[in-house]
Amino acid sequence: MKKLHASEKKLLDSVVRKIVSDPTIGQMKTGDLAGVQVYKYKRKTQQYLLAYQLNPTGTVLTLLALGSHENFYRDLKK
């Protein structure tokens, strides 16, 4: 978050609020990333991916990764 510009932080805050209001909005991943959901959004022309995970009771949302598509899933597996 520290590396983001102010406008990017505002957009990320709105995306997180959207996810909190409807946690099923992201795409559920399978295989090595089972249990992880990814929500895709755009800022200008750049597409960003936000990976998050809900605990089994559905009360705690954990943000795992944020970035562009390039090497996103590879880095997320680590």
C-alpha atoms as a PDB file:
ATOM      1  CA  MET A   1       0.000   0.000   0.000  1.00  0.00           C
ATOM      2  CA  LYS A   2       2.857   2.367   0.691  1.00  0.00           C
ATOM      3  CA  LYS A   3       3.893   2.414  -2.968  1.00  0.00           C
ATOM      4  CA  LEU A   4       0.450   3.372  -4.281  1.00  0.00           C
ATOM      5  CA  HIS A   5      -0.505   6.906  -5.256  1.00  0.00           C
ATOM      6  CA  ALA A   6      -3.381   8.624  -3.490  1.00  0.00           C
ATOM      7  CA  SER A   7      -5.825   7.987  -6.343  1.00  0.00           C
ATOM      8  CA  GLU A   8      -4.860   4.301  -6.428  1.00  0.00           C
ATOM      9  CA  LYS A   9      -5.421   4.052  -2.672  1.00  0.00           C
ATOM     10  CA  LYS A  10      -8.904   5.558  -3.021  1.00  0.00           C
ATOM     11  CA  LEU A  11      -9.764   3.079  -5.770  1.00  0.00           C
ATOM     12  CA  LEU A  12      -8.419   0.175  -3.691  1.00  0.00           C
ATOM     13  CA  ASP A  13     -10.499   1.316  -0.702  1.00  0.00           C
ATOM     14  CA  SER A  14     -13.640   1.333  -2.821  1.00  0.00           C
ATOM     15  CA  VAL A  15     -12.822  -2.131  -4.192  1.00  0.00           C
ATOM     16  CA  VAL A  16     -12.277  -3.496  -0.673  1.00  0.00           C
ATOM     17  CA  ARG A  17     -15.608  -2.015   0.446  1.00  0.00           C
ATOM     18  CA  LYS A  18     -17.292  -3.685  -2.520  1.00  0.00           C
ATOM     19  CA  ILE A  19     -15.713  -7.039  -1.577  1.00  0.00           C
ATOM     20  CA  VAL A  20     -16.720  -6.658   2.075  1.00  0.00           C
ATOM     21  CA  SER A  21     -20.320  -6.004   1.063  1.00  0.00           C
ATOM     22  CA  ASP A  22     -20.366  -9.083  -1.214  1.00  0.00           C
ATOM     23  CA  PRO A  23     -17.450 -11.510  -0.574  1.00  0.00           C
ATOM     24  CA  THR A  24     -18.578 -13.831  -3.369  1.00  0.00           C
ATOM     25  CA  ILE A  25     -17.864 -11.184  -6.015  1.00  0.00           C
ATOM     26  CA  GLY A  26     -14.385 -12.578  -6.759  1.00  0.00           C
ATOM     27  CA  GLN A  27     -13.591 -15.626  -8.835  1.00  0.00           C
ATOM     28  CA  MET A  28     -12.832 -18.723  -6.746  1.00  0.00           C
ATOM     29  CA  LYS A  29      -9.556 -20.404  -7.708  1.00  0.00           C
ATOM     30  CA  THR A  30      -8.887 -24.142  -7.769  1.00  0.00           C
ATOM     31  CA  GLY A  31      -5.855 -26.398  -7.534  1.00  0.00           C
ATOM     32  CA  ASP A  32      -2.864 -24.900  -5.718  1.00  0.00           C
ATOM     33  CA  LEU A  33      -4.845 -21.752  -4.956  1.00  0.00           C
ATOM     34  CA  ALA A  34      -7.974 -23.441  -3.598  1.00  0.00           C
ATOM     35  CA  GLY A  35      -9.795 -21.189  -1.155  1.00  0.00           C
ATOM     36  CA  VAL A  36      -8.417 -17.993  -2.701  1.00  0.00           C
ATOM     37  CA  GLN A  37     -10.660 -15.592  -4.564  1.00  0.00           C
ATOM     38  CA  VAL A  38      -9.455 -13.021  -7.088  1.00  0.00           C
ATOM     39  CA  TYR A  39     -11.276  -9.825  -7.997  1.00  0.00           C
ATOM     40  CA  LYS A  40     -10.251  -8.008 -11.178  1.00  0.00           C
ATOM     41  CA  TYR A  41     -10.641  -4.259 -11.630  1.00  0.00           C
ATOM     42  CA  LYS A  42      -9.270  -1.554 -13.900  1.00  0.00           C
ATOM     43  CA  ARG A  43      -7.617   1.775 -13.287  1.00  0.00           C
ATOM     44  CA  LYS A  44      -7.490   3.724 -16.527  1.00  0.00           C
ATOM     45  CA  THR A  45      -6.191   1.069 -18.955  1.00  0.00           C
ATOM     46  CA  GLN A  46      -4.293  -1.114 -16.458  1.00  0.00           C
ATOM     47  CA  GLN A  47      -6.007  -4.198 -15.048  1.00  0.00           C
ATOM     48  CA  TYR A  48      -5.273  -5.067 -11.424  1.00  0.00           C
ATOM     49  CA  LEU A  49      -5.975  -8.253  -9.522  1.00  0.00           C
ATOM     50  CA  LEU A  50      -6.726  -8.429  -5.819  1.00  0.00           C
ATOM     51  CA  ALA A  51      -6.457 -11.816  -4.127  1.00  0.00           C
ATOM     52  CA  TYR A  52      -8.298 -12.374  -0.875  1.00  0.00           C
ATOM     53  CA  GLN A  53      -9.436 -15.181   1.378  1.00  0.00           C
ATOM     54  CA  LEU A  54     -12.299 -15.576   3.831  1.00  0.00           C
ATOM     55  CA  ASN A  55     -11.959 -17.596   7.011  1.00  0.00           C
ATOM     56  CA  PRO A  56     -14.295 -20.631   7.297  1.00  0.00           C
ATOM     57  CA  THR A  57     -16.858 -18.713   9.355  1.00  0.00           C
ATOM     58  CA  GLY A  58     -16.913 -15.889   6.802  1.00  0.00           C
ATOM     59  CA  THR A  59     -16.217 -13.160   9.342  1.00  0.00           C
ATOM     60  CA  VAL A  60     -12.584 -12.240   8.541  1.00  0.00           C
ATOM     61  CA  LEU A  61     -11.413 -11.074   5.124  1.00  0.00           C
ATOM     62  CA  THR A  62      -7.671 -11.405   4.499  1.00  0.00           C
ATOM     63  CA  LEU A  63      -6.102  -9.533   1.588  1.00  0.00           C
ATOM     64  CA  LEU A  64      -3.304 -11.642   0.117  1.00  0.00           C
ATOM     65  CA  ALA A  65      -1.929  -9.863  -2.938  1.00  0.00           C
ATOM     66  CA  LEU A  66      -2.433  -6.918  -5.263  1.00  0.00           C
ATOM     67  CA  GLY A  67      -0.827  -6.456  -8.651  1.00  0.00           C
ATOM     68  CA  SER A  68      -1.027  -6.619 -12.398  1.00  0.00           C
ATOM     69  CA  HIS A  69      -1.604  -9.913 -14.170  1.00  0.00           C
ATOM     70  CA  GLU A  70       2.068 -10.402 -15.048  1.00  0.00           C
ATOM     71  CA  ASN A  71       3.434 -13.126 -12.719  1.00  0.00           C
ATOM     72  CA  PHE A  72       0.558 -12.510 -10.274  1.00  0.00           C
ATOM     73  CA  TYR A  73      -0.459 -16.141  -9.862  1.00  0.00           C
ATOM     74  CA  ARG A  74       3.137 -17.361  -9.750  1.00  0.00           C
ATOM     75  CA  ASP A  75       3.946 -14.949  -6.925  1.00  0.00           C
ATOM     76  CA  LEU A  76       0.686 -15.762  -5.143  1.00  0.00           C
ATOM     77  CA  LYS A  77       1.578 -19.455  -4.986  1.00  0.00           C
ATOM     78  CA  LYS A  78       4.735 -18.626  -3.028  1.00  0.00           C
END
